[in-house]
Protein backbone atom coordinates (compact mmCIF):
# COMPACT_ATOMS: atom_id res chain seq x y z
CA MET A 1 0.00 0.00 0.00
CA ARG A 2 1.07 3.55 -0.72
CA ILE A 3 -0.40 6.56 1.07
CA ARG A 4 -0.07 10.14 -0.01
CA ALA A 5 -0.03 12.62 2.87
CA GLY A 6 -0.49 16.33 2.44
CA TRP A 7 1.60 17.01 5.53
CA LEU A 8 3.63 14.67 7.74
CA ILE A 9 4.63 15.17 11.38
CA ASP A 10 6.88 12.19 12.01
CA GLY A 11 6.86 12.35 15.84
CA THR A 12 10.60 12.78 16.24
CA GLY A 13 10.48 16.56 16.55
CA GLY A 14 11.85 16.97 13.02
CA ALA A 15 10.58 19.44 10.45
CA ILE A 16 7.05 19.05 9.11
CA ARG A 17 7.17 17.62 5.60
CA LYS A 18 4.73 18.41 2.81
CA ASP A 19 3.44 16.13 0.04
CA VAL A 20 4.97 12.77 0.92
CA VAL A 21 4.25 9.18 -0.02
CA MET A 22 4.49 6.38 2.55
CA HIS A 23 5.07 2.84 1.34
CA ILE A 24 3.64 0.24 3.72
CA ALA A 25 4.15 -3.52 3.62
CA HIS A 26 3.33 -6.21 6.21
CA GLY A 27 2.35 -3.64 8.82
CA THR A 28 5.65 -1.75 8.59
CA ILE A 29 6.62 1.52 6.94
CA VAL A 30 9.08 0.72 4.16
CA SER A 31 9.80 4.25 2.96
CA VAL A 32 8.71 7.86 3.21
CA ASN A 33 9.52 9.99 0.19
CA GLU A 34 8.57 13.31 -1.31
CA THR A 35 6.16 13.02 -4.23
CA ILE A 36 7.64 13.03 -7.72
CA ASP A 37 5.00 13.77 -10.32
CA ASN A 38 2.02 16.08 -10.47
CA ASP A 39 -0.32 13.29 -9.50
CA GLY A 40 1.47 13.06 -6.18
CA PHE A 41 2.72 9.50 -6.61
CA SER A 42 5.91 7.91 -7.81
CA ALA A 43 6.27 7.91 -11.56
CA GLU A 44 7.06 4.20 -11.53
CA SER A 45 3.97 2.14 -12.13
CA THR A 46 2.55 0.06 -9.31
CA ASP A 47 -0.38 -2.22 -8.83
CA GLU A 48 -0.47 -1.50 -5.11
CA GLU A 49 -3.47 0.05 -3.39
CA ILE A 50 -3.13 3.82 -3.18
CA MET A 51 -4.87 6.01 -0.59
CA ASP A 52 -5.01 9.74 -1.17
CA LEU A 53 -4.77 11.75 2.05
CA SER A 54 -3.35 14.79 0.32
CA ASP A 55 -5.79 17.05 2.18
CA CYS A 56 -4.75 15.62 5.54
CA THR A 57 -1.99 15.85 8.14
CA VAL A 58 -0.57 12.46 9.14
CA LEU A 59 1.05 11.89 12.53
CA PRO A 60 1.89 8.82 14.64
CA GLY A 61 -0.75 7.19 16.80
CA LEU A 62 -0.99 9.04 20.10
CA ILE A 63 0.22 7.73 23.45
CA ASP A 64 -1.33 8.79 26.76
CA SER A 65 1.36 8.21 29.37
CA HIS A 66 -0.85 8.58 32.45
CA VAL A 67 -4.41 7.25 32.74
CA HIS A 68 -6.68 5.50 35.22
CA MET A 69 -8.81 3.18 33.13
CA PHE A 70 -11.17 2.09 35.94
CA MET A 71 -12.56 5.63 36.36
CA SER A 72 -14.45 7.92 34.02
CA GLY A 73 -14.06 11.70 34.00
CA THR A 74 -17.58 12.29 35.25
CA ALA A 75 -18.15 15.04 37.81
CA ASP A 76 -21.13 13.16 39.25
CA ARG A 77 -20.04 12.34 42.81
CA LYS A 78 -22.43 9.41 43.16
CA ILE A 79 -21.09 7.74 40.00
CA ARG A 80 -17.48 8.37 41.02
CA ASP A 81 -18.06 6.82 44.44
CA GLU A 82 -19.67 3.78 42.80
CA GLN A 83 -16.71 3.36 40.44
CA LEU A 84 -14.23 3.49 43.30
CA ASP A 85 -15.92 0.63 45.18
CA ALA A 86 -17.31 -1.45 42.29
CA GLY A 87 -16.32 -5.03 41.61
CA PHE A 88 -14.54 -6.18 38.47
CA HIS A 89 -17.65 -7.21 36.55
CA GLU A 90 -19.18 -3.79 37.17
CA ILE A 91 -16.01 -1.97 36.06
CA GLU A 92 -15.27 -4.15 33.03
CA PRO A 93 -17.78 -2.48 30.64
CA GLY A 94 -16.45 0.93 31.61
CA ILE A 95 -12.87 -0.02 30.78
CA ALA A 96 -14.01 -1.35 27.40
CA ALA A 97 -15.88 1.90 26.74
CA HIS A 98 -12.83 3.95 27.71
CA ILE A 99 -10.69 1.99 25.24
CA GLY A 100 -13.21 2.84 22.54
CA GLN A 101 -13.04 6.50 23.43
CA LEU A 102 -9.23 6.45 23.32
CA LEU A 103 -9.21 4.91 19.85
CA LYS A 104 -11.81 7.42 18.68
CA PHE A 105 -9.27 10.19 19.26
CA GLY A 106 -6.29 8.31 17.85
CA VAL A 107 -4.80 7.09 21.13
CA VAL A 108 -3.22 3.68 20.48
CA ALA A 109 -1.28 3.10 23.71
CA VAL A 110 -1.76 4.07 27.36
CA ARG A 111 0.11 3.75 30.64
CA ASP A 112 -2.18 3.10 33.58
CA GLY A 113 -1.33 4.48 37.01
CA GLY A 114 -3.16 1.94 39.12
CA ASP A 115 -6.39 1.22 40.96
CA LYS A 116 -6.84 -0.15 44.45
CA ASN A 117 -8.47 -3.39 43.34
CA GLY A 118 -6.24 -4.11 40.36
CA HIS A 119 -9.23 -4.18 38.00
CA THR A 120 -7.28 -2.77 35.06
CA LEU A 121 -4.60 -5.44 35.40
CA ARG A 122 -7.26 -8.14 35.48
CA TYR A 123 -8.95 -6.66 32.40
CA LYS A 124 -5.66 -6.71 30.51
CA LEU A 125 -4.91 -10.31 31.45
CA GLU A 126 -8.40 -11.75 31.03
CA ARG A 127 -10.32 -9.57 28.57
CA LEU A 128 -8.13 -7.42 26.33
CA ALA A 129 -7.07 -10.09 23.84
CA ALA A 130 -10.63 -11.39 23.46
CA SER A 131 -11.93 -7.85 22.89
CA LYS A 132 -9.63 -7.51 19.86
CA ALA A 133 -9.28 -3.81 20.63
CA PRO A 134 -6.01 -2.74 18.93
CA ILE A 135 -4.60 -0.78 21.84
CA ARG A 136 -1.49 -1.26 23.98
CA LEU A 137 -2.46 -1.21 27.63
CA GLN A 138 0.41 -1.02 30.10
CA VAL A 139 -0.57 -1.32 33.74
CA ALA A 140 0.83 -0.89 37.23
CA GLY A 141 -1.84 -2.97 38.91
CA ARG A 142 -2.02 -1.41 42.39
CA ALA A 143 0.09 1.59 43.33
CA TRP A 144 2.09 1.86 46.56
CA HIS A 145 1.45 4.57 49.15
CA SER A 146 2.40 5.11 52.78
CA PRO A 147 -0.14 4.31 55.55
CA ASN A 148 -2.54 7.16 56.30
CA ARG A 149 -1.34 9.13 53.29
CA TYR A 150 -2.85 9.90 49.89
CA GLY A 151 -3.17 6.94 47.52
CA ARG A 152 -5.92 4.72 48.91
CA LEU A 153 -8.00 5.12 45.72
CA ILE A 154 -5.27 3.73 43.47
CA GLY A 155 -3.32 1.28 45.58
CA ARG A 156 -2.21 -0.24 48.85
CA THR A 157 0.33 0.23 51.63
CA PRO A 158 3.29 -1.95 52.65
CA GLU A 159 2.49 -4.63 55.21
CA TYR A 160 2.46 -3.45 58.82
CA GLY A 161 5.97 -3.60 60.22
CA SER A 162 7.55 -3.89 56.76
CA PRO A 163 10.75 -1.85 56.34
CA GLY A 164 9.43 -0.49 53.03
CA ILE A 165 7.90 -1.38 49.70
CA ASP A 166 8.15 -5.11 49.03
CA ILE A 167 8.43 -5.44 45.26
CA THR A 168 8.17 -9.24 45.55
CA GLU A 169 4.47 -8.73 46.29
CA GLU A 170 3.86 -7.41 42.76
CA LYS A 171 1.66 -9.63 40.63
CA THR A 172 2.69 -11.28 37.38
CA GLY A 173 1.50 -9.33 34.37
CA ILE A 174 2.28 -5.77 35.44
CA ASP A 175 4.35 -3.60 33.12
CA HIS A 176 5.70 -1.08 35.62
CA VAL A 177 5.48 -0.09 39.28
CA LYS A 178 3.67 2.99 40.58
CA ILE A 179 4.76 4.70 43.81
CA VAL A 180 3.01 7.67 45.44
CA ASN A 181 5.59 9.86 47.15
CA SER A 182 3.65 13.01 48.06
CA GLY A 183 0.16 14.24 48.69
CA LEU A 184 -2.21 15.98 46.31
CA ASN A 185 -1.87 19.62 45.36
CA SER A 186 -3.83 21.95 47.59
CA LEU A 187 -6.75 23.59 45.82
CA LEU A 188 -7.14 26.07 48.67
CA SER A 189 -3.58 27.13 49.56
CA PHE A 190 -1.33 28.12 46.65
CA GLY A 191 2.07 26.41 46.56
CA LYS A 192 1.50 24.26 49.64
CA GLN A 193 3.83 21.23 49.65
CA THR A 194 3.65 17.93 51.50
CA ALA A 195 6.34 15.70 52.99
CA PRO A 196 7.60 12.60 51.13
CA GLN A 197 5.69 9.41 51.79
CA PHE A 198 8.81 7.23 51.69
CA SER A 199 12.40 7.81 52.73
CA ARG A 200 15.16 8.20 50.18
CA GLU A 201 16.47 4.75 51.08
CA GLU A 202 13.04 3.14 50.71
CA MET A 203 12.63 4.74 47.30
CA LYS A 204 16.06 3.58 46.11
CA ASP A 205 15.53 0.03 47.35
CA ALA A 206 12.14 -0.19 45.63
CA VAL A 207 13.42 1.17 42.32
CA LEU A 208 16.41 -1.18 42.30
CA ALA A 209 14.23 -4.18 43.13
CA ALA A 210 11.81 -3.24 40.36
CA LYS A 211 14.60 -2.81 37.83
CA ASP A 212 15.97 -6.24 38.75
CA ARG A 213 12.61 -7.63 37.60
CA GLY A 214 12.52 -5.56 34.44
CA TRP A 215 10.04 -2.95 35.64
CA GLY A 216 10.41 0.80 35.47
CA VAL A 217 8.94 2.97 38.22
CA MET A 218 6.56 5.89 37.76
CA VAL A 219 6.34 8.18 40.79
CA HIS A 220 3.50 10.48 41.77
CA ALA A 221 5.41 13.38 43.30
CA ASN A 222 4.69 17.07 43.90
CA GLY A 223 6.91 19.52 45.73
CA GLU A 224 10.66 19.93 45.93
CA ILE A 225 11.64 17.22 48.44
CA PRO A 226 9.37 14.38 47.21
CA VAL A 227 10.49 14.94 43.63
CA ARG A 228 14.17 15.17 44.57
CA SER A 229 14.17 11.83 46.40
CA ALA A 230 12.26 10.19 43.55
CA VAL A 231 14.72 11.41 40.90
CA ASP A 232 17.69 10.42 43.07
CA SER A 233 16.22 6.93 43.37
CA GLY A 234 16.58 6.40 39.62
CA CYS A 235 12.87 6.27 38.79
CA CYS A 236 11.77 6.42 35.15
CA SER A 237 9.32 9.29 35.47
CA ILE A 238 7.86 11.97 37.67
CA GLU A 239 4.09 12.19 37.43
CA HIS A 240 2.47 15.60 38.00
CA GLY A 241 5.49 17.39 39.49
CA PHE A 242 3.70 20.54 40.62
CA PHE A 243 5.92 22.99 42.51
CA MET A 244 9.04 20.84 42.16
CA GLY A 245 11.27 23.82 41.32
CA GLU A 246 14.06 24.56 38.86
CA GLU A 247 16.76 22.59 40.65
CA ASN A 248 14.74 19.42 40.25
CA LEU A 249 14.15 20.22 36.60
CA LYS A 250 17.89 20.57 36.09
CA LYS A 251 18.46 17.27 37.90
CA MET A 252 15.85 15.58 35.69
CA ALA A 253 17.53 16.95 32.57
CA ASP A 254 20.87 15.59 33.79
CA HIS A 255 19.40 12.16 34.64
CA GLN A 256 17.07 12.18 31.60
CA THR A 257 14.19 11.42 33.94
CA PHE A 258 10.87 11.77 32.15
CA TRP A 259 8.26 14.25 33.31
CA VAL A 260 4.53 13.73 32.73
CA PRO A 261 3.01 17.04 33.91
CA THR A 262 -0.76 16.22 33.65
CA ALA A 263 -1.59 19.93 33.46
CA PHE A 264 -5.15 19.50 32.23
CA THR A 265 -6.23 18.03 35.56
CA MET A 266 -5.56 21.40 37.16
CA LYS A 267 -7.29 23.26 34.33
CA SER A 268 -10.36 21.14 34.96
CA TYR A 269 -10.23 21.96 38.67
CA ALA A 270 -9.68 25.64 37.84
CA GLU A 271 -12.84 25.80 35.75
CA TYR A 272 -14.82 24.24 38.61
CA PHE A 273 -13.34 26.31 41.43
CA GLU A 274 -13.66 29.59 39.57
CA ARG A 275 -17.41 29.08 39.78
CA GLU A 276 -16.88 28.76 43.54
CA GLY A 277 -14.85 31.97 43.68
CA SER A 278 -11.36 30.46 44.23
CA ASP A 279 -8.37 31.25 41.99
CA VAL A 280 -5.90 28.79 43.57
CA PRO A 281 -6.26 26.02 40.94
CA ARG A 282 -5.80 28.60 38.18
CA ARG A 283 -2.63 29.87 39.84
CA ASN A 284 -1.45 26.27 40.24
CA LEU A 285 -2.00 25.74 36.51
CA ASP A 286 -0.15 28.92 35.55
CA HIS A 287 2.82 27.86 37.68
CA GLN A 288 2.81 24.41 36.08
CA LEU A 289 2.89 25.97 32.61
CA GLU A 290 5.89 28.08 33.71
CA GLN A 291 7.66 24.89 34.85
CA MET A 292 6.84 23.20 31.54
CA ALA A 293 8.36 26.13 29.65
CA ALA A 294 11.49 25.91 31.81
CA ALA A 295 11.70 22.12 31.32
CA ARG A 296 11.57 22.60 27.54
CA LYS A 297 14.53 24.96 27.66
CA LEU A 298 16.51 22.72 30.03
CA GLY A 299 16.01 19.59 27.92
CA VAL A 300 13.90 17.57 30.33
CA PRO A 301 12.34 14.63 28.41
CA MET A 302 8.57 15.04 28.58
CA ALA A 303 5.59 12.89 27.69
CA VAL A 304 1.93 13.78 27.41
CA GLY A 305 -0.26 12.22 30.07
CA THR A 306 -3.80 13.31 30.86
CA ASP A 307 -4.56 11.59 34.18
CA SER A 308 -7.86 10.69 32.54
CA GLY A 309 -10.35 9.31 35.00
CA SER A 310 -9.78 12.34 37.23
CA LEU A 311 -12.69 14.70 37.73
CA GLY A 312 -13.52 16.37 34.41
CA VAL A 313 -10.74 14.55 32.55
CA HIS A 314 -12.32 12.21 30.01
CA HIS A 315 -10.48 9.43 28.19
CA GLY A 316 -9.34 10.21 24.66
CA ILE A 317 -10.56 13.75 24.16
CA SER A 318 -8.38 15.02 27.04
CA MET A 319 -5.31 14.39 24.87
CA ILE A 320 -6.43 17.39 22.82
CA GLU A 321 -6.63 19.51 25.96
CA GLU A 322 -3.23 18.36 27.25
CA ILE A 323 -1.52 19.00 23.90
CA ARG A 324 -3.12 22.45 23.82
CA LEU A 325 -1.53 23.21 27.19
CA PHE A 326 1.88 22.11 25.90
CA LEU A 327 1.43 24.66 23.11
CA GLY A 328 0.47 27.25 25.72
CA ALA A 329 3.75 26.53 27.52
CA GLY A 330 5.73 27.44 24.39
CA PHE A 331 6.09 24.09 22.62
CA SER A 332 5.75 24.07 18.85
CA ILE A 333 3.17 21.70 17.39
CA ARG A 334 5.89 19.30 16.27
CA GLU A 335 7.44 19.35 19.77
CA ALA A 336 4.06 18.76 21.39
CA VAL A 337 3.33 15.89 19.00
CA GLN A 338 6.74 14.41 19.85
CA CYS A 339 5.78 14.45 23.53
CA ALA A 340 2.49 12.75 22.64
CA THR A 341 4.07 10.09 20.40
CA SER A 342 7.74 9.09 20.27
CA ASN A 343 8.54 10.36 23.78
CA GLY A 344 5.60 8.40 25.13
CA ALA A 345 6.74 5.34 23.19
CA LYS A 346 10.22 5.66 24.69
CA LEU A 347 8.77 5.92 28.19
CA LEU A 348 6.62 2.84 27.58
CA GLY A 349 9.48 0.94 25.93
CA LEU A 350 7.78 0.69 22.53
CA LYS A 351 10.76 0.70 20.20
CA ASP A 352 8.95 0.66 16.84
CA ALA A 353 6.00 2.87 17.80
CA GLY A 354 5.44 6.61 18.14
CA TRP A 355 7.29 7.72 15.01
CA ILE A 356 6.91 7.54 11.25
CA GLY A 357 9.83 6.41 9.14
CA PRO A 358 11.40 3.32 7.53
CA GLY A 359 11.23 0.43 9.98
CA ALA A 360 8.50 1.88 12.19
CA GLU A 361 5.19 0.12 12.59
CA ALA A 362 2.51 1.59 10.32
CA THR A 363 0.36 3.03 13.09
CA PHE A 364 -0.73 6.58 12.42
CA VAL A 365 -3.56 9.09 12.45
CA ALA A 366 -4.78 11.31 9.60
CA VAL A 367 -6.72 14.49 10.32
CA LYS A 368 -8.25 16.91 7.85
CA GLY A 369 -6.30 20.02 6.97
CA ALA A 370 -2.87 21.46 7.65
CA PRO A 371 -0.87 21.08 10.90
CA ALA A 372 -2.08 24.53 12.00
CA GLY A 373 -5.44 22.90 12.73
CA LEU A 374 -3.95 20.69 15.44
CA PRO A 375 -4.79 19.67 18.08
CA GLU A 376 -8.42 20.65 17.49
CA SER A 377 -8.59 18.60 14.27
CA LEU A 378 -8.09 15.46 16.38
CA GLN A 379 -11.72 15.83 17.41
CA GLU A 380 -12.71 14.16 14.15
CA ILE A 381 -9.95 12.00 12.74
CA GLN A 382 -10.15 11.05 9.08
CA SER A 383 -8.30 7.74 9.30
CA LEU A 384 -6.63 5.59 11.93
CA PHE A 385 -4.19 2.92 10.78
CA ILE A 386 -2.88 0.32 13.21
CA ASP A 387 -0.14 -2.02 11.99
CA GLY A 388 -0.93 -1.06 8.42
CA CYS A 389 -4.66 -1.79 8.65
CA SER A 390 -7.39 0.84 8.65
CA PHE A 391 -9.30 0.75 11.93
CA LYS A 392 -12.97 1.60 12.18
CA SER A 393 -15.25 1.13 15.15
CA SER A 394 -18.74 2.07 16.16
CA VAL A 395 -17.25 4.42 18.73
CA GLN A 396 -15.21 6.22 16.08
CA ASN A 397 -18.28 6.79 13.99
CA GLN A 398 -20.43 8.16 16.80
C-alpha cells in the first residue's frame, strides 16, 4: 500500500514535511519519500493500493502516558463513588468503553497508574485479547502509598511492620510499578507542599528491586523534596510534578528522567473552582505551565499524560486539551506531538512505535487540513491505521 499525505509530522520533533508518499508492507513503513510527479505519486507504475490523504496531516498514533482506566471523567459524585468501590464485573464495561473513546481520538497506547483493586490489570490479562481492541495497555496494577497518606484510591500500603515497599508482592503481568511519594496539590492554599511518603532509602531500594525484575517505576510526586528523592532513586518518570522547582528540573535533565506534567487536571479543577470563587487552581496551573516552559529549555524529556479518569478529565478527548496546554507553555506543534508520540513510546518501551519512518510500525492518524489545525482537528480523525490496517469502530463513527 502507498499513502499520499499532504503534511507529515513524524513524531521525532523533526521538520514538518509536505506532500509525501508512505510505502507500507506487512504492517511496517518501508519508505517515506517526497512526491515526484504532479499526480502526487511515484512515476514508476505500481499495482499497489493507493490512498489519497493529500488534504490531511498524518502523525503517529498518540500515546497517553498517564491514565486511570477504571474511572471515568464524570463530575457526578455518586457515579465516582460507585466506580471506586465497584467489583470487576461492574467496572469491566467501563474499561471497554474507555478503550473505545481512546481509539476514537487516535490514542493507540496508554500507561495506567493503578487502581486499588487491580481491575485494570485483570482486564488486561483476562479480557483485552478477546476484545480484539487494537490498543497497547500497560498497567501498574495497584500503586504503593504510605499508611494514612494519599493513595488509597489507586493502591495499597506496605504490610504493617515492613521496612518499606516489598516489590516481591507485585503480581505477574504488570508492566511497571507505581509509587506515590507526596500528597495531592492543595486547591485552597497556593504552593502548599507535603512531605515525602517514603524515605530516600526506601525509594532507592524499591526502584532497584523493580529494575531487577525488568520494571520501570513511575512516581507520583509534587513539591521539591518528594520529587528530589524520587529522581535520586533512579525512577523512570515523575508524574504531575507541581511545585518541584528549577533545581529538580535541572536534575531531571541531567538524569534524563521523564516528566509527565498532567496539566489538564488542574485546568479542569480551575474551571470548577472559579465558579466557587477560588483562583488557587488557576494559579497552580499557571505555575505548572511556567515549569513546563522551563523544562523545555533545560532539555527535560517530557511525555503527554492526561490523568484521565480524574474529575472532568475524560479518556481520549483530554489528549487534545493536554496538547493544547503544551502549546500554551511554548512548545511548537511538532514538539508537542513528539511528547504525545515518540517520547511516550520511549517511556513505555515501545521501540517501533510513536514515530513515522522506515522500519516503524505503520500506526498513524490522519486528520483533515494542515498542521495549524492541530490539536483541534483530532476531534474528528479522518483515518486511523494500526499495523498497516485501517481501523474503524462504532465508537469512532459516533
